[in-house]
Amino acid sequence: MAATCQVTGAVPGFGHNVSHSNRRTKRRFDPNIQKKRYYVPSLRRNITLNVSTKGIKVIDARGIDAVVSDLIAKGVKL
């Protein structure tokens, strides 16, 4: 599963692990992706979204109907 939020579009960031001797090795900063199930009244069914914790806060603030309508307008299959 790709570490991508369906609501905010958050993707992994890349950087370095830096050791005590200042040697650098590649690493990846993954967003905190959670699989959440929501009931959508307008669709009259449950949907499962892969969302980051920030995406969960966006859904709480805007409402699931508004977020789902934006996702459908983008062409995301739910």
Protein backbone atom coordinates (compact mmCIF):
# COMPACT_ATOMS: atom_id res chain seq x y z
CA MET A 1 0.00 0.00 0.00
CA ALA A 2 1.35 3.41 -0.92
CA ALA A 3 1.76 5.78 2.01
CA THR A 4 -0.55 8.41 0.52
CA CYS A 5 -3.46 10.22 2.17
CA GLN A 6 -6.62 10.24 0.03
CA VAL A 7 -7.85 13.50 1.59
CA THR A 8 -4.78 15.74 1.91
CA GLY A 9 -2.53 14.03 -0.64
CA ALA A 10 0.32 13.70 1.88
CA VAL A 11 3.17 11.57 0.50
CA PRO A 12 6.44 10.36 2.03
CA GLY A 13 9.28 12.83 2.44
CA PHE A 14 12.90 11.85 1.99
CA GLY A 15 16.00 12.76 3.91
CA HIS A 16 19.00 11.34 5.73
CA ASN A 17 19.80 9.50 8.92
CA VAL A 18 22.81 11.32 10.33
CA SER A 19 25.11 9.29 12.58
CA HIS A 20 27.34 10.61 15.34
CA SER A 21 30.27 10.59 12.88
CA ASN A 22 28.08 12.67 10.48
CA ARG A 23 27.71 9.90 7.89
CA ARG A 24 24.45 10.19 5.98
CA THR A 25 22.24 7.34 4.79
CA LYS A 26 18.96 7.69 2.94
CA ARG A 27 15.68 7.39 4.85
CA ARG A 28 12.00 7.97 4.31
CA PHE A 29 9.54 9.97 6.44
CA ASP A 30 6.14 8.31 6.01
CA PRO A 31 2.91 10.16 6.87
CA ASN A 32 0.83 8.62 9.65
CA ILE A 33 -1.67 6.73 7.44
CA GLN A 34 -4.72 5.12 9.06
CA LYS A 35 -7.43 3.02 7.45
CA LYS A 36 -10.76 4.53 8.58
CA ARG A 37 -14.36 3.55 7.85
CA TYR A 38 -16.97 6.30 7.58
CA TYR A 39 -20.71 6.22 7.03
CA VAL A 40 -21.66 8.66 4.26
CA PRO A 41 -25.34 9.68 4.49
CA SER A 42 -25.49 11.00 0.92
CA LEU A 43 -24.29 7.65 -0.49
CA ARG A 44 -26.19 5.64 2.19
CA ARG A 45 -23.23 3.32 2.73
CA ASN A 46 -19.88 2.94 4.48
CA ILE A 47 -16.64 3.83 2.73
CA THR A 48 -13.08 3.00 3.74
CA LEU A 49 -10.45 5.70 3.31
CA ASN A 50 -6.68 5.66 3.77
CA VAL A 51 -6.18 8.97 5.55
CA SER A 52 -3.42 10.64 7.51
CA THR A 53 -4.13 11.93 10.99
CA LYS A 54 -4.30 15.43 9.53
CA GLY A 55 -6.84 14.12 7.00
CA ILE A 56 -8.97 12.82 9.89
CA LYS A 57 -8.95 16.32 11.40
CA VAL A 58 -9.99 17.78 8.02
CA ILE A 59 -12.92 15.35 7.87
CA ASP A 60 -13.92 16.29 11.43
CA ALA A 61 -13.82 20.00 10.57
CA ARG A 62 -15.48 19.98 7.12
CA GLY A 63 -17.72 16.93 7.41
CA ILE A 64 -17.55 13.63 5.56
CA ASP A 65 -20.11 14.65 2.90
CA ALA A 66 -18.06 17.67 1.79
CA VAL A 67 -14.83 15.68 1.69
CA VAL A 68 -16.41 12.80 -0.23
CA SER A 69 -17.93 15.16 -2.80
CA ASP A 70 -14.46 16.66 -3.39
CA LEU A 71 -12.96 13.17 -3.79
CA ILE A 72 -15.66 12.18 -6.29
CA ALA A 73 -15.04 15.42 -8.25
CA LYS A 74 -11.33 14.49 -8.42
CA GLY A 75 -12.29 11.09 -9.82
CA VAL A 76 -11.26 8.96 -6.83
CA LYS A 77 -13.05 5.59 -6.78
CA LEU A 78 -14.77 5.03 -3.44
